[in-house]
Structures are given as C-alpha cells and as structure tokens.
Amino acid sequence: MSSLQPVVLSSAITLMLSTGLLLQSGCASREGAYMSTDPSRNIQEVSSKFVLMDPGARRSIKLAGPIQQGTTQDGRLQVSANIMNRENRRLQVQVQCVFKNANGVSTGDETPWSNLILTENGIETVSFTALNNEATDFTIRVREAR
C-alpha cells in the first residue's frame, strides 16, 4: 500500500493544480468588445458592393462583370450580379443582399440566404429587389453552402 501513496498523492496534486488553473482562466475579465480576427473583412463589407465571406468563397468565386443597379417603377432599389465559379467542379454557395441607406447603414432589409448551384466554370445571375424605397446602397454577400 505504501507504494501507491506517492501515485495517489501526485494525482491529487495534479488535479488540484489543473482545477485551479481552469478556475483562474474562467474568471478572467475583459473590458470592451473582442477584437475581430479579420478586421479587413469587416471594413470590406462596409465599403464594398460584393463581399466573399469565407476562404472557400474567396478561392472559388468571383464577380463576372459590373453589378447592374436600377430602380423599380415604385422607386425600390434593384440589383443584379453575375457570379462566376472559378473552379473546374460544381459548387454550391449561398448568396444574400443587404440593402443600406445613404449613410451605409442597413435598412433592416436583408434578403434570406439562398442557395446557388454553379456548374464547372459557370456563371449565374442573381437579382435582388429592396422591400422599400429607403435603400440607396447595397452589399451582395457570398459564402460557402453549409
């Protein structure tokens, strides 16, 4: 029995130390908001009309030509973009449009994420129409389908 005592004592000390470290790290306080892991993406989303949201989309997707912008008869903003698959394989992505006012702030009019299937090296056109006439600006967002 005496040969087991050092092992049990060593295990108990290890358990107490690891528990103390866990408690100490869990109680650490932080002032303010957490910093973004990729601040350039956040800036791009505020200032750009077309944003690729993740590494897979940035690798596989590109905008083919300029974004077409117009208004409906009742004054609502309408946009269309040609989205191109840069890879030699079929892809499924999701697209969304966030409509913004003249100050660049969302009007609360965000389309739901919709699936878009792109054939090998194919181009598909997506179109979005604002729900009200407050929108004067927009951002089209593309991400990998999950």
N, C-alpha and C. Protein backbone atom coordinates (compact mmCIF):
# COMPACT_ATOMS: atom_id res chain seq x y z
N MET A 1 0.81 -1.21 0.00
CA MET A 1 0.00 0.00 0.00
C MET A 1 0.84 1.26 0.00
N SER A 2 1.98 1.20 0.64
CA SER A 2 2.81 2.38 0.71
C SER A 2 3.34 2.79 -0.67
N SER A 3 3.44 1.86 -1.62
CA SER A 3 3.91 2.21 -2.95
C SER A 3 2.85 2.95 -3.76
N LEU A 4 1.58 2.83 -3.39
CA LEU A 4 0.51 3.52 -4.08
C LEU A 4 0.33 4.96 -3.59
N GLN A 5 0.76 5.23 -2.37
CA GLN A 5 0.56 6.57 -1.80
C GLN A 5 1.20 7.68 -2.63
N PRO A 6 2.44 7.54 -3.12
CA PRO A 6 3.01 8.62 -3.94
C PRO A 6 2.24 8.85 -5.23
N VAL A 7 1.72 7.78 -5.86
CA VAL A 7 0.96 7.92 -7.09
C VAL A 7 -0.35 8.66 -6.83
N VAL A 8 -1.06 8.27 -5.76
CA VAL A 8 -2.32 8.92 -5.41
C VAL A 8 -2.08 10.37 -5.03
N LEU A 9 -1.05 10.62 -4.24
CA LEU A 9 -0.72 11.98 -3.83
C LEU A 9 -0.35 12.83 -5.04
N SER A 10 0.43 12.28 -5.97
CA SER A 10 0.81 13.00 -7.17
C SER A 10 -0.41 13.32 -8.04
N SER A 11 -1.32 12.36 -8.17
CA SER A 11 -2.55 12.57 -8.94
C SER A 11 -3.43 13.63 -8.30
N ALA A 12 -3.51 13.63 -7.00
CA ALA A 12 -4.33 14.61 -6.29
C ALA A 12 -3.77 16.01 -6.48
N ILE A 13 -2.46 16.15 -6.39
CA ILE A 13 -1.83 17.46 -6.57
C ILE A 13 -2.05 17.95 -8.00
N THR A 14 -1.88 17.07 -8.98
CA THR A 14 -2.10 17.44 -10.38
C THR A 14 -3.54 17.89 -10.60
N LEU A 15 -4.49 17.17 -10.02
CA LEU A 15 -5.91 17.53 -10.16
C LEU A 15 -6.19 18.89 -9.54
N MET A 16 -5.63 19.16 -8.37
CA MET A 16 -5.87 20.44 -7.72
C MET A 16 -5.25 21.59 -8.52
N LEU A 17 -4.05 21.39 -9.04
CA LEU A 17 -3.41 22.44 -9.81
C LEU A 17 -4.17 22.73 -11.11
N SER A 18 -4.60 21.68 -11.81
CA SER A 18 -5.33 21.90 -13.06
C SER A 18 -6.69 22.54 -12.81
N THR A 19 -7.35 22.17 -11.72
CA THR A 19 -8.63 22.79 -11.38
C THR A 19 -8.43 24.27 -11.06
N GLY A 20 -7.37 24.59 -10.34
CA GLY A 20 -7.08 25.98 -10.02
C GLY A 20 -6.80 26.80 -11.27
N LEU A 21 -6.05 26.23 -12.20
CA LEU A 21 -5.77 26.94 -13.45
C LEU A 21 -7.04 27.17 -14.26
N LEU A 22 -7.91 26.17 -14.31
CA LEU A 22 -9.17 26.32 -15.04
C LEU A 22 -10.04 27.41 -14.42
N LEU A 23 -10.12 27.41 -13.10
CA LEU A 23 -10.94 28.42 -12.42
C LEU A 23 -10.37 29.82 -12.65
N GLN A 24 -9.06 29.93 -12.60
CA GLN A 24 -8.44 31.23 -12.80
C GLN A 24 -8.66 31.75 -14.22
N SER A 25 -8.54 30.88 -15.22
CA SER A 25 -8.74 31.33 -16.59
C SER A 25 -10.21 31.62 -16.87
N GLY A 26 -11.12 30.91 -16.23
CA GLY A 26 -12.55 31.14 -16.44
C GLY A 26 -13.03 32.44 -15.82
N CYS A 27 -12.32 32.94 -14.83
CA CYS A 27 -12.74 34.15 -14.14
C CYS A 27 -12.06 35.40 -14.68
N ALA A 28 -11.22 35.23 -15.67
CA ALA A 28 -10.53 36.40 -16.22
C ALA A 28 -11.56 37.36 -16.81
N SER A 29 -11.38 38.64 -16.51
CA SER A 29 -12.33 39.62 -17.04
C SER A 29 -11.72 40.30 -18.25
N ARG A 30 -12.60 40.85 -19.09
CA ARG A 30 -12.16 41.52 -20.30
C ARG A 30 -12.99 42.78 -20.44
N GLU A 31 -12.33 43.87 -20.71
CA GLU A 31 -13.02 45.14 -20.88
C GLU A 31 -13.31 45.37 -22.35
N GLY A 32 -14.52 45.75 -22.69
CA GLY A 32 -14.86 46.11 -24.06
C GLY A 32 -15.13 44.92 -24.97
N ALA A 33 -15.30 45.22 -26.24
CA ALA A 33 -15.63 44.21 -27.23
C ALA A 33 -14.39 43.43 -27.63
N TYR A 34 -14.60 42.20 -28.07
CA TYR A 34 -13.49 41.41 -28.58
C TYR A 34 -13.05 41.94 -29.93
N MET A 35 -11.77 41.88 -30.18
CA MET A 35 -11.24 42.32 -31.46
C MET A 35 -11.60 41.31 -32.54
N SER A 36 -11.89 41.77 -33.72
CA SER A 36 -12.20 40.91 -34.85
C SER A 36 -10.95 40.13 -35.24
N THR A 37 -11.15 38.88 -35.67
CA THR A 37 -10.00 38.10 -36.11
C THR A 37 -9.53 38.53 -37.49
N ASP A 38 -10.40 39.14 -38.27
CA ASP A 38 -10.02 39.61 -39.60
C ASP A 38 -10.67 40.97 -39.84
N PRO A 39 -10.08 42.04 -39.30
CA PRO A 39 -10.70 43.36 -39.43
C PRO A 39 -10.83 43.84 -40.86
N SER A 40 -9.99 43.36 -41.78
CA SER A 40 -10.09 43.81 -43.17
C SER A 40 -11.40 43.35 -43.80
N ARG A 41 -11.90 42.19 -43.39
CA ARG A 41 -13.17 41.71 -43.94
C ARG A 41 -14.32 42.61 -43.50
N ASN A 42 -14.30 43.05 -42.25
CA ASN A 42 -15.36 43.92 -41.75
C ASN A 42 -15.35 45.26 -42.48
N ILE A 43 -14.19 45.81 -42.73
CA ILE A 43 -14.08 47.07 -43.45
C ILE A 43 -14.57 46.88 -44.88
N GLN A 44 -14.20 45.75 -45.48
CA GLN A 44 -14.62 45.48 -46.85
C GLN A 44 -16.14 45.38 -46.94
N GLU A 45 -16.76 44.76 -45.96
CA GLU A 45 -18.21 44.60 -46.01
C GLU A 45 -18.93 45.93 -45.90
N VAL A 46 -18.35 46.89 -45.22
CA VAL A 46 -18.97 48.20 -45.09
C VAL A 46 -18.82 49.00 -46.39
N SER A 47 -17.67 48.87 -47.04
CA SER A 47 -17.39 49.73 -48.18
C SER A 47 -17.57 49.07 -49.55
N SER A 48 -17.69 47.77 -49.63
CA SER A 48 -17.74 47.09 -50.92
C SER A 48 -19.17 46.69 -51.29
N LYS A 49 -19.42 46.57 -52.56
CA LYS A 49 -20.73 46.14 -53.07
C LYS A 49 -20.82 44.61 -53.17
N PHE A 50 -19.67 43.93 -53.19
CA PHE A 50 -19.62 42.48 -53.37
C PHE A 50 -18.57 41.91 -52.42
N VAL A 51 -19.00 41.02 -51.50
CA VAL A 51 -18.10 40.50 -50.48
C VAL A 51 -18.15 38.98 -50.48
N LEU A 52 -16.96 38.37 -50.52
CA LEU A 52 -16.82 36.92 -50.38
C LEU A 52 -16.50 36.66 -48.91
N MET A 53 -17.39 35.95 -48.22
CA MET A 53 -17.38 35.89 -46.77
C MET A 53 -16.37 34.94 -46.14
N ASP A 54 -15.90 33.93 -46.85
CA ASP A 54 -15.00 32.96 -46.23
C ASP A 54 -13.92 32.53 -47.21
N PRO A 55 -12.89 31.84 -46.73
CA PRO A 55 -11.77 31.45 -47.61
C PRO A 55 -12.20 30.60 -48.80
N GLY A 56 -13.14 29.70 -48.61
CA GLY A 56 -13.59 28.87 -49.73
C GLY A 56 -14.23 29.69 -50.83
N ALA A 57 -15.04 30.66 -50.45
CA ALA A 57 -15.68 31.53 -51.45
C ALA A 57 -14.63 32.41 -52.13
N ARG A 58 -13.67 32.91 -51.36
CA ARG A 58 -12.62 33.75 -51.96
C ARG A 58 -11.78 32.96 -52.97
N ARG A 59 -11.59 31.68 -52.71
CA ARG A 59 -10.80 30.84 -53.61
C ARG A 59 -11.58 30.46 -54.86
N SER A 60 -12.89 30.25 -54.75
CA SER A 60 -13.67 29.62 -55.81
C SER A 60 -14.58 30.55 -56.60
N ILE A 61 -14.90 31.70 -56.08
CA ILE A 61 -15.94 32.56 -56.67
C ILE A 61 -15.35 33.91 -57.06
N LYS A 62 -15.89 34.50 -58.13
CA LYS A 62 -15.55 35.88 -58.45
C LYS A 62 -16.75 36.55 -59.12
N LEU A 63 -16.74 37.84 -59.10
CA LEU A 63 -17.76 38.64 -59.75
C LEU A 63 -17.39 38.75 -61.22
N ALA A 64 -18.30 38.39 -62.10
CA ALA A 64 -18.04 38.43 -63.55
C ALA A 64 -18.73 39.66 -64.13
N GLY A 65 -17.99 40.74 -64.25
CA GLY A 65 -18.56 41.96 -64.79
C GLY A 65 -19.10 42.88 -63.72
N PRO A 66 -19.57 44.05 -64.11
CA PRO A 66 -20.10 45.01 -63.14
C PRO A 66 -21.47 44.60 -62.61
N ILE A 67 -21.78 45.06 -61.42
CA ILE A 67 -23.10 44.85 -60.84
C ILE A 67 -24.07 45.83 -61.48
N GLN A 68 -25.20 45.33 -61.94
CA GLN A 68 -26.23 46.17 -62.55
C GLN A 68 -27.14 46.70 -61.45
N GLN A 69 -27.43 47.98 -61.50
CA GLN A 69 -28.24 48.62 -60.47
C GLN A 69 -29.31 49.47 -61.13
N GLY A 70 -30.51 49.42 -60.61
CA GLY A 70 -31.61 50.22 -61.13
C GLY A 70 -32.70 50.34 -60.08
N THR A 71 -33.83 50.90 -60.49
CA THR A 71 -34.96 51.02 -59.57
C THR A 71 -36.22 50.49 -60.25
N THR A 72 -37.12 50.01 -59.45
CA THR A 72 -38.42 49.57 -59.95
C THR A 72 -39.29 50.80 -60.19
N GLN A 73 -40.47 50.61 -60.75
CA GLN A 73 -41.37 51.74 -61.02
C GLN A 73 -41.78 52.47 -59.75
N ASP A 74 -41.84 51.74 -58.64
CA ASP A 74 -42.23 52.39 -57.39
C ASP A 74 -41.03 52.88 -56.57
N GLY A 75 -39.82 52.90 -57.15
CA GLY A 75 -38.67 53.52 -56.51
C GLY A 75 -37.80 52.61 -55.66
N ARG A 76 -38.05 51.33 -55.70
CA ARG A 76 -37.23 50.41 -54.90
C ARG A 76 -35.96 50.03 -55.65
N LEU A 77 -34.86 49.89 -54.91
CA LEU A 77 -33.57 49.54 -55.50
C LEU A 77 -33.59 48.08 -55.97
N GLN A 78 -33.03 47.85 -57.14
CA GLN A 78 -32.96 46.52 -57.72
C GLN A 78 -31.53 46.31 -58.23
N VAL A 79 -30.90 45.18 -57.85
CA VAL A 79 -29.52 44.90 -58.25
C VAL A 79 -29.41 43.49 -58.82
N SER A 80 -28.48 43.32 -59.77
CA SER A 80 -28.19 42.02 -60.38
C SER A 80 -26.69 41.88 -60.52
N ALA A 81 -26.19 40.67 -60.27
CA ALA A 81 -24.75 40.40 -60.37
C ALA A 81 -24.54 39.05 -61.02
N ASN A 82 -23.49 38.96 -61.82
CA ASN A 82 -23.08 37.70 -62.42
C ASN A 82 -21.99 37.09 -61.54
N ILE A 83 -22.28 35.93 -60.99
CA ILE A 83 -21.36 35.25 -60.09
C ILE A 83 -20.74 34.08 -60.84
N MET A 84 -19.40 34.01 -60.81
CA MET A 84 -18.68 33.01 -61.60
C MET A 84 -17.97 32.00 -60.71
N ASN A 85 -18.07 30.74 -61.10
CA ASN A 85 -17.34 29.65 -60.48
C ASN A 85 -15.96 29.59 -61.14
N ARG A 86 -14.90 29.78 -60.37
CA ARG A 86 -13.55 29.78 -60.91
C ARG A 86 -12.94 28.38 -60.97
N GLU A 87 -13.66 27.39 -60.49
CA GLU A 87 -13.11 26.05 -60.41
C GLU A 87 -13.73 25.13 -61.45
N ASN A 88 -13.03 24.04 -61.70
CA ASN A 88 -13.49 23.05 -62.68
C ASN A 88 -14.29 21.95 -61.97
N ARG A 89 -15.12 22.35 -61.06
CA ARG A 89 -16.02 21.42 -60.35
C ARG A 89 -17.28 22.18 -59.98
N ARG A 90 -18.34 21.44 -59.79
CA ARG A 90 -19.62 22.03 -59.43
C ARG A 90 -19.55 22.56 -58.00
N LEU A 91 -20.12 23.74 -57.77
CA LEU A 91 -20.11 24.36 -56.45
C LEU A 91 -21.51 24.76 -56.01
N GLN A 92 -21.71 24.73 -54.71
CA GLN A 92 -22.94 25.27 -54.14
C GLN A 92 -22.53 26.35 -53.14
N VAL A 93 -23.03 27.55 -53.34
CA VAL A 93 -22.77 28.67 -52.44
C VAL A 93 -24.11 29.25 -52.00
N GLN A 94 -24.04 30.17 -51.06
CA GLN A 94 -25.23 30.89 -50.62
C GLN A 94 -25.00 32.38 -50.86
N VAL A 95 -26.03 33.06 -51.31
CA VAL A 95 -25.94 34.49 -51.59
C VAL A 95 -27.03 35.24 -50.82
N GLN A 96 -26.71 36.49 -50.49
CA GLN A 96 -27.63 37.35 -49.75
C GLN A 96 -27.34 38.79 -50.14
N CYS A 97 -28.33 39.65 -50.04
CA CYS A 97 -28.13 41.07 -50.28
C CYS A 97 -28.60 41.86 -49.06
N VAL A 98 -27.75 42.77 -48.62
CA VAL A 98 -28.09 43.67 -47.51
C VAL A 98 -28.30 45.05 -48.13
N PHE A 99 -29.50 45.58 -48.00
CA PHE A 99 -29.80 46.91 -48.53
C PHE A 99 -29.51 47.96 -47.45
N LYS A 100 -28.92 49.09 -47.87
CA LYS A 100 -28.47 50.12 -46.94
C LYS A 100 -29.00 51.48 -47.35
N ASN A 101 -29.04 52.40 -46.38
CA ASN A 101 -29.45 53.78 -46.69
C ASN A 101 -28.24 54.58 -47.17
N ALA A 102 -28.40 55.87 -47.39
CA ALA A 102 -27.33 56.72 -47.91
C ALA A 102 -26.13 56.80 -46.97
N ASN A 103 -26.35 56.55 -45.68
CA ASN A 103 -25.26 56.58 -44.70
C ASN A 103 -24.53 55.24 -44.60
N GLY A 104 -24.94 54.25 -45.38
CA GLY A 104 -24.29 52.95 -45.33
C GLY A 104 -24.80 52.05 -44.23
N VAL A 105 -25.90 52.42 -43.60
CA VAL A 105 -26.48 51.63 -42.51
C VAL A 105 -27.60 50.77 -43.07
N SER A 106 -27.64 49.52 -42.63
CA SER A 106 -28.68 48.61 -43.11
C SER A 106 -30.07 49.17 -42.81
N THR A 107 -30.95 49.05 -43.78
CA THR A 107 -32.33 49.50 -43.59
C THR A 107 -33.17 48.42 -42.90
N GLY A 108 -32.53 47.32 -42.55
CA GLY A 108 -33.25 46.19 -41.97
C GLY A 108 -33.78 45.26 -43.04
N ASP A 109 -33.49 45.59 -44.26
CA ASP A 109 -33.95 44.81 -45.41
C ASP A 109 -32.79 43.93 -45.90
N GLU A 110 -32.72 42.74 -45.35
CA GLU A 110 -31.72 41.76 -45.76
C GLU A 110 -32.44 40.57 -46.34
N THR A 111 -32.07 40.17 -47.53
CA THR A 111 -32.71 39.01 -48.12
C THR A 111 -32.24 37.76 -47.37
N PRO A 112 -33.04 36.71 -47.37
CA PRO A 112 -32.56 35.47 -46.76
C PRO A 112 -31.43 34.87 -47.60
N TRP A 113 -30.57 34.09 -46.96
CA TRP A 113 -29.52 33.39 -47.70
C TRP A 113 -30.20 32.40 -48.64
N SER A 114 -29.82 32.41 -49.91
CA SER A 114 -30.39 31.46 -50.86
C SER A 114 -29.27 30.66 -51.52
N ASN A 115 -29.56 29.41 -51.80
CA ASN A 115 -28.57 28.52 -52.41
C ASN A 115 -28.44 28.82 -53.89
N LEU A 116 -27.20 28.75 -54.35
CA LEU A 116 -26.89 28.96 -55.76
C LEU A 116 -25.94 27.84 -56.18
N ILE A 117 -26.34 27.08 -57.18
CA ILE A 117 -25.50 26.00 -57.69
C ILE A 117 -24.85 26.46 -58.98
N LEU A 118 -23.53 26.39 -59.00
CA LEU A 118 -22.75 26.83 -60.15
C LEU A 118 -22.08 25.62 -60.80
N THR A 119 -22.28 25.46 -62.10
CA THR A 119 -21.63 24.37 -62.81
C THR A 119 -20.14 24.70 -62.97
N GLU A 120 -19.38 23.77 -63.48
CA GLU A 120 -17.95 23.95 -63.67
C GLU A 120 -17.68 25.20 -64.50
N ASN A 121 -16.92 26.13 -63.96
CA ASN A 121 -16.56 27.38 -64.62
C ASN A 121 -17.79 28.16 -65.11
N GLY A 122 -18.93 27.92 -64.49
CA GLY A 122 -20.18 28.56 -64.94
C GLY A 122 -20.42 29.92 -64.32
N ILE A 123 -21.33 30.65 -64.94
CA ILE A 123 -21.74 31.98 -64.47
C ILE A 123 -23.26 31.96 -64.29
N GLU A 124 -23.71 32.44 -63.16
CA GLU A 124 -25.14 32.56 -62.87
C GLU A 124 -25.44 33.99 -62.45
N THR A 125 -26.61 34.48 -62.85
CA THR A 125 -27.03 35.83 -62.47
C THR A 125 -27.97 35.74 -61.27
N VAL A 126 -27.69 36.57 -60.27
CA VAL A 126 -28.59 36.68 -59.11
C VAL A 126 -29.16 38.09 -59.10
N SER A 127 -30.41 38.21 -58.72
CA SER A 127 -31.08 39.52 -58.68
C SER A 127 -31.77 39.69 -57.33
N PHE A 128 -31.76 40.91 -56.85
CA PHE A 128 -32.39 41.24 -55.58
C PHE A 128 -33.14 42.55 -55.73
N THR A 129 -34.28 42.66 -55.03
CA THR A 129 -35.08 43.88 -55.03
C THR A 129 -35.38 44.26 -53.59
N ALA A 130 -35.14 45.52 -53.24
CA ALA A 130 -35.41 46.01 -51.89
C ALA A 130 -36.91 45.97 -51.61
N LEU A 131 -37.26 45.81 -50.36
CA LEU A 131 -38.67 45.77 -49.98
C LEU A 131 -39.30 47.16 -49.89
N ASN A 132 -38.47 48.19 -49.67
CA ASN A 132 -39.00 49.56 -49.59
C ASN A 132 -38.06 50.50 -50.33
N ASN A 133 -38.44 51.77 -50.44
CA ASN A 133 -37.62 52.70 -51.21
C ASN A 133 -36.62 53.48 -50.36
N GLU A 134 -36.35 53.04 -49.14
CA GLU A 134 -35.34 53.67 -48.29
C GLU A 134 -33.92 53.31 -48.73
N ALA A 135 -33.75 52.17 -49.39
CA ALA A 135 -32.42 51.69 -49.75
C ALA A 135 -31.85 52.47 -50.93
N THR A 136 -30.61 52.93 -50.76
CA THR A 136 -29.89 53.58 -51.85
C THR A 136 -28.56 52.90 -52.12
N ASP A 137 -28.16 51.97 -51.25
CA ASP A 137 -26.90 51.27 -51.38
C ASP A 137 -27.13 49.79 -51.01
N PHE A 138 -26.13 48.95 -51.23
CA PHE A 138 -26.30 47.52 -51.00
C PHE A 138 -24.95 46.84 -50.87
N THR A 139 -24.96 45.63 -50.34
CA THR A 139 -23.81 44.72 -50.36
C THR A 139 -24.33 43.33 -50.66
N ILE A 140 -23.79 42.71 -51.70
CA ILE A 140 -24.10 41.32 -52.02
C ILE A 140 -23.05 40.47 -51.34
N ARG A 141 -23.50 39.48 -50.56
CA ARG A 141 -22.58 38.63 -49.81
C ARG A 141 -22.68 37.20 -50.33
N VAL A 142 -21.52 36.53 -50.41
CA VAL A 142 -21.46 35.15 -50.88
C VAL A 142 -20.65 34.35 -49.88
N ARG A 143 -21.16 33.17 -49.51
CA ARG A 143 -20.43 32.27 -48.61
C ARG A 143 -20.59 30.84 -49.08
N GLU A 144 -19.73 29.96 -48.58
CA GLU A 144 -19.85 28.54 -48.88
C GLU A 144 -21.16 28.03 -48.31
N ALA A 145 -21.80 27.12 -49.02
CA ALA A 145 -23.02 26.50 -48.50
C ALA A 145 -22.63 25.53 -47.39
N ARG A 146 -23.42 25.49 -46.37
CA ARG A 146 -23.14 24.60 -45.23
C ARG A 146 -24.24 23.61 -45.05
